[in-house]
Amino acid sequence: MYYALLTAAKSNAFNDGKVSTIAHLTGDKLRAHRFPFPPVSEQKSLVNFLDSKLKQIDQAVFAAQREISLLHEYRTRLIADVVTGKLDIREAASQLPAELVLEEDADLPEEVEGDDVILEADSEEAEA
């Protein structure tokens, strides 16, 4: 019954179109909805299956959230180490795998001569 009610609620089966600050699940709404009533053995089988799958999903979500948290922590620490000089980026860059290192002939934008650059502030002053 729990999973049947949960599914009905998530699919807005009890939504009657009226908006209120506190949602009410009335007897009329329950009577209007058709619930499946399989045999008890099938219900138990379904519940066991859903419980095990939801447990796996919850564990995967928890692991992903933990990894994201660790990555944020690592990023913060890395930035702090670079800013404070505890990590020399030249040394760290020399240890990168070859496929991550840009070659000198890489397709980078050509350098622009000093007079060819127009900054936004300069263009606004010129218009004024």
C-alpha atoms as a PDB file:
ATOM      1  CA  MET A   1       0.000   0.000   0.000  1.00  0.00           C
ATOM      2  CA  TYR A   2       2.926   2.325   0.805  1.00  0.00           C
ATOM      3  CA  TYR A   3       4.378   2.028  -2.717  1.00  0.00           C
ATOM      4  CA  ALA A   4       0.931   2.320  -4.322  1.00  0.00           C
ATOM      5  CA  LEU A   5       0.215   5.540  -2.388  1.00  0.00           C
ATOM      6  CA  LEU A   6       3.701   6.900  -3.065  1.00  0.00           C
ATOM      7  CA  THR A   7       3.358   6.281  -6.787  1.00  0.00           C
ATOM      8  CA  ALA A   8      -0.113   7.842  -6.884  1.00  0.00           C
ATOM      9  CA  ALA A   9       1.050  10.911  -4.971  1.00  0.00           C
ATOM     10  CA  LYS A  10       4.134  11.398  -7.174  1.00  0.00           C
ATOM     11  CA  SER A  11       2.004  11.170 -10.306  1.00  0.00           C
ATOM     12  CA  ASN A  12      -0.409  13.824  -8.946  1.00  0.00           C
ATOM     13  CA  ALA A  13      -3.288  11.356  -8.829  1.00  0.00           C
ATOM     14  CA  PHE A  14      -4.733  13.181  -5.814  1.00  0.00           C
ATOM     15  CA  ASN A  15      -4.343  16.653  -7.300  1.00  0.00           C
ATOM     16  CA  ASP A  16      -7.780  18.153  -7.834  1.00  0.00           C
ATOM     17  CA  GLY A  17      -6.504  21.409  -9.292  1.00  0.00           C
ATOM     18  CA  LYS A  18      -7.174  23.442  -6.171  1.00  0.00           C
ATOM     19  CA  VAL A  19      -4.184  25.219  -4.687  1.00  0.00           C
ATOM     20  CA  SER A  20      -3.915  25.580  -0.947  1.00  0.00           C
ATOM     21  CA  THR A  21      -1.144  26.120   1.556  1.00  0.00           C
ATOM     22  CA  ILE A  22      -1.780  22.732   3.174  1.00  0.00           C
ATOM     23  CA  ALA A  23      -2.551  19.810   0.887  1.00  0.00           C
ATOM     24  CA  HIS A  24      -5.346  17.551   2.107  1.00  0.00           C
ATOM     25  CA  LEU A  25      -5.870  13.927   1.192  1.00  0.00           C
ATOM     26  CA  THR A  26      -9.586  13.505   1.645  1.00  0.00           C
ATOM     27  CA  GLY A  27     -11.688  10.370   1.617  1.00  0.00           C
ATOM     28  CA  ASP A  28     -13.241  11.493  -1.659  1.00  0.00           C
ATOM     29  CA  LYS A  29      -9.823  11.674  -3.296  1.00  0.00           C
ATOM     30  CA  LEU A  30      -8.924   8.217  -1.990  1.00  0.00           C
ATOM     31  CA  ARG A  31     -12.224   6.710  -3.139  1.00  0.00           C
ATOM     32  CA  ALA A  32     -11.800   8.216  -6.607  1.00  0.00           C
ATOM     33  CA  HIS A  33      -8.412   6.523  -7.066  1.00  0.00           C
ATOM     34  CA  ARG A  34      -8.190   2.849  -8.093  1.00  0.00           C
ATOM     35  CA  PHE A  35      -5.572   0.888  -6.144  1.00  0.00           C
ATOM     36  CA  PRO A  36      -4.238  -2.509  -7.214  1.00  0.00           C
ATOM     37  CA  PHE A  37      -4.730  -5.352  -4.730  1.00  0.00           C
ATOM     38  CA  PRO A  38      -2.621  -8.329  -5.857  1.00  0.00           C
ATOM     39  CA  PRO A  39      -2.430 -11.454  -3.686  1.00  0.00           C
ATOM     40  CA  VAL A  40      -0.442 -11.061  -0.438  1.00  0.00           C
ATOM     41  CA  SER A  41       2.392 -13.281  -1.675  1.00  0.00           C
ATOM     42  CA  GLU A  42       2.796 -11.099  -4.774  1.00  0.00           C
ATOM     43  CA  GLN A  43       2.647  -7.950  -2.623  1.00  0.00           C
ATOM     44  CA  LYS A  44       5.458  -9.290  -0.413  1.00  0.00           C
ATOM     45  CA  SER A  45       7.497 -10.223  -3.472  1.00  0.00           C
ATOM     46  CA  LEU A  46       7.031  -6.745  -4.971  1.00  0.00           C
ATOM     47  CA  VAL A  47       7.901  -5.009  -1.694  1.00  0.00           C
ATOM     48  CA  ASN A  48      11.065  -7.096  -1.256  1.00  0.00           C
ATOM     49  CA  PHE A  49      12.109  -6.348  -4.836  1.00  0.00           C
ATOM     50  CA  LEU A  50      11.432  -2.610  -4.517  1.00  0.00           C
ATOM     51  CA  ASP A  51      13.139  -2.392  -1.117  1.00  0.00           C
ATOM     52  CA  SER A  52      16.305  -4.061  -2.429  1.00  0.00           C
ATOM     53  CA  LYS A  53      16.429  -1.910  -5.579  1.00  0.00           C
ATOM     54  CA  LEU A  54      15.775   1.293  -3.633  1.00  0.00           C
ATOM     55  CA  LYS A  55      18.509   0.343  -1.178  1.00  0.00           C
ATOM     56  CA  GLN A  56      20.958  -0.056  -4.078  1.00  0.00           C
ATOM     57  CA  ILE A  57      19.889   3.301  -5.515  1.00  0.00           C
ATOM     58  CA  ASP A  58      20.219   5.015  -2.116  1.00  0.00           C
ATOM     59  CA  GLN A  59      23.714   3.568  -1.696  1.00  0.00           C
ATOM     60  CA  ALA A  60      24.733   4.746  -5.179  1.00  0.00           C
ATOM     61  CA  VAL A  61      23.359   8.245  -4.506  1.00  0.00           C
ATOM     62  CA  PHE A  62      25.173   8.380  -1.158  1.00  0.00           C
ATOM     63  CA  ALA A  63      28.456   7.274  -2.783  1.00  0.00           C
ATOM     64  CA  ALA A  64      28.087   9.870  -5.556  1.00  0.00           C
ATOM     65  CA  GLN A  65      27.318  12.638  -3.051  1.00  0.00           C
ATOM     66  CA  ARG A  66      30.342  11.610  -0.965  1.00  0.00           C
ATOM     67  CA  GLU A  67      32.602  11.694  -4.038  1.00  0.00           C
ATOM     68  CA  ILE A  68      31.266  15.110  -5.029  1.00  0.00           C
ATOM     69  CA  SER A  69      31.935  16.370  -1.517  1.00  0.00           C
ATOM     70  CA  LEU A  70      35.490  15.025  -1.644  1.00  0.00           C
ATOM     71  CA  LEU A  71      36.069  16.641  -5.038  1.00  0.00           C
ATOM     72  CA  HIS A  72      34.866  20.010  -3.699  1.00  0.00           C
ATOM     73  CA  GLU A  73      37.165  19.608  -0.709  1.00  0.00           C
ATOM     74  CA  TYR A  74      40.093  18.680  -2.982  1.00  0.00           C
ATOM     75  CA  ARG A  75      39.410  21.640  -5.282  1.00  0.00           C
ATOM     76  CA  THR A  76      39.281  24.055  -2.354  1.00  0.00           C
ATOM     77  CA  ARG A  77      42.510  22.646  -0.947  1.00  0.00           C
ATOM     78  CA  LEU A  78      44.217  22.779  -4.341  1.00  0.00           C
ATOM     79  CA  ILE A  79      43.256  26.418  -4.863  1.00  0.00           C
ATOM     80  CA  ALA A  80      44.441  27.302  -1.367  1.00  0.00           C
ATOM     81  CA  ASP A  81      47.770  25.542  -1.937  1.00  0.00           C
ATOM     82  CA  VAL A  82      48.353  27.348  -5.250  1.00  0.00           C
ATOM     83  CA  VAL A  83      47.396  30.760  -3.830  1.00  0.00           C
ATOM     84  CA  THR A  84      49.585  30.383  -0.740  1.00  0.00           C
ATOM     85  CA  GLY A  85      52.518  29.053  -2.764  1.00  0.00           C
ATOM     86  CA  LYS A  86      52.543  25.606  -1.151  1.00  0.00           C
ATOM     87  CA  LEU A  87      52.135  24.087  -4.614  1.00  0.00           C
ATOM     88  CA  ASP A  88      54.365  25.131  -7.486  1.00  0.00           C
ATOM     89  CA  ILE A  89      52.200  24.885 -10.577  1.00  0.00           C
ATOM     90  CA  ARG A  90      55.199  24.635 -12.873  1.00  0.00           C
ATOM     91  CA  GLU A  91      56.336  21.518 -11.023  1.00  0.00           C
ATOM     92  CA  ALA A  92      52.823  20.063 -11.010  1.00  0.00           C
ATOM     93  CA  ALA A  93      52.411  20.812 -14.733  1.00  0.00           C
ATOM     94  CA  SER A  94      55.651  18.997 -15.542  1.00  0.00           C
ATOM     95  CA  GLN A  95      54.161  15.852 -13.999  1.00  0.00           C
ATOM     96  CA  LEU A  96      50.961  15.910 -16.115  1.00  0.00           C
ATOM     97  CA  PRO A  97      50.418  13.118 -18.643  1.00  0.00           C
ATOM     98  CA  ALA A  98      51.534  14.005 -22.163  1.00  0.00           C
ATOM     99  CA  GLU A  99      47.990  14.144 -23.586  1.00  0.00           C
ATOM    100  CA  LEU A 100      47.070  16.939 -21.151  1.00  0.00           C
ATOM    101  CA  VAL A 101      50.065  19.146 -21.924  1.00  0.00           C
ATOM    102  CA  LEU A 102      49.611  21.734 -24.664  1.00  0.00           C
ATOM    103  CA  GLU A 103      52.255  21.661 -27.346  1.00  0.00           C
ATOM    104  CA  GLU A 104      53.898  24.865 -28.468  1.00  0.00           C
ATOM    105  CA  ASP A 105      52.231  24.524 -31.895  1.00  0.00           C
ATOM    106  CA  ALA A 106      48.761  24.089 -30.371  1.00  0.00           C
ATOM    107  CA  ASP A 107      45.904  26.020 -31.940  1.00  0.00           C
ATOM    108  CA  LEU A 108      45.947  28.997 -29.622  1.00  0.00           C
ATOM    109  CA  PRO A 109      44.758  32.454 -30.588  1.00  0.00           C
ATOM    110  CA  GLU A 110      47.444  34.599 -32.146  1.00  0.00           C
ATOM    111  CA  GLU A 111      48.839  37.318 -29.962  1.00  0.00           C
ATOM    112  CA  VAL A 112      47.389  40.715 -30.732  1.00  0.00           C
ATOM    113  CA  GLU A 113      49.569  43.773 -31.009  1.00  0.00           C
ATOM    114  CA  GLY A 114      49.047  46.339 -28.225  1.00  0.00           C
ATOM    115  CA  ASP A 115      47.342  49.010 -30.408  1.00  0.00           C
ATOM    116  CA  ASP A 116      44.985  46.468 -31.974  1.00  0.00           C
ATOM    117  CA  VAL A 117      43.242  45.756 -28.669  1.00  0.00           C
ATOM    118  CA  ILE A 118      40.213  47.872 -27.810  1.00  0.00           C
ATOM    119  CA  LEU A 119      38.983  47.429 -24.309  1.00  0.00           C
ATOM    120  CA  GLU A 120      35.318  47.912 -23.463  1.00  0.00           C
ATOM    121  CA  ALA A 121      36.177  50.862 -21.228  1.00  0.00           C
ATOM    122  CA  ASP A 122      38.133  52.494 -24.067  1.00  0.00           C
ATOM    123  CA  SER A 123      35.268  52.029 -26.541  1.00  0.00           C
ATOM    124  CA  GLU A 124      32.772  53.553 -24.089  1.00  0.00           C
ATOM    125  CA  GLU A 125      35.027  56.574 -23.583  1.00  0.00           C
ATOM    126  CA  ALA A 126      35.411  56.949 -27.361  1.00  0.00           C
ATOM    127  CA  GLU A 127      31.629  56.956 -27.813  1.00  0.00           C
ATOM    128  CA  ALA A 128      31.167  59.647 -25.123  1.00  0.00           C
END
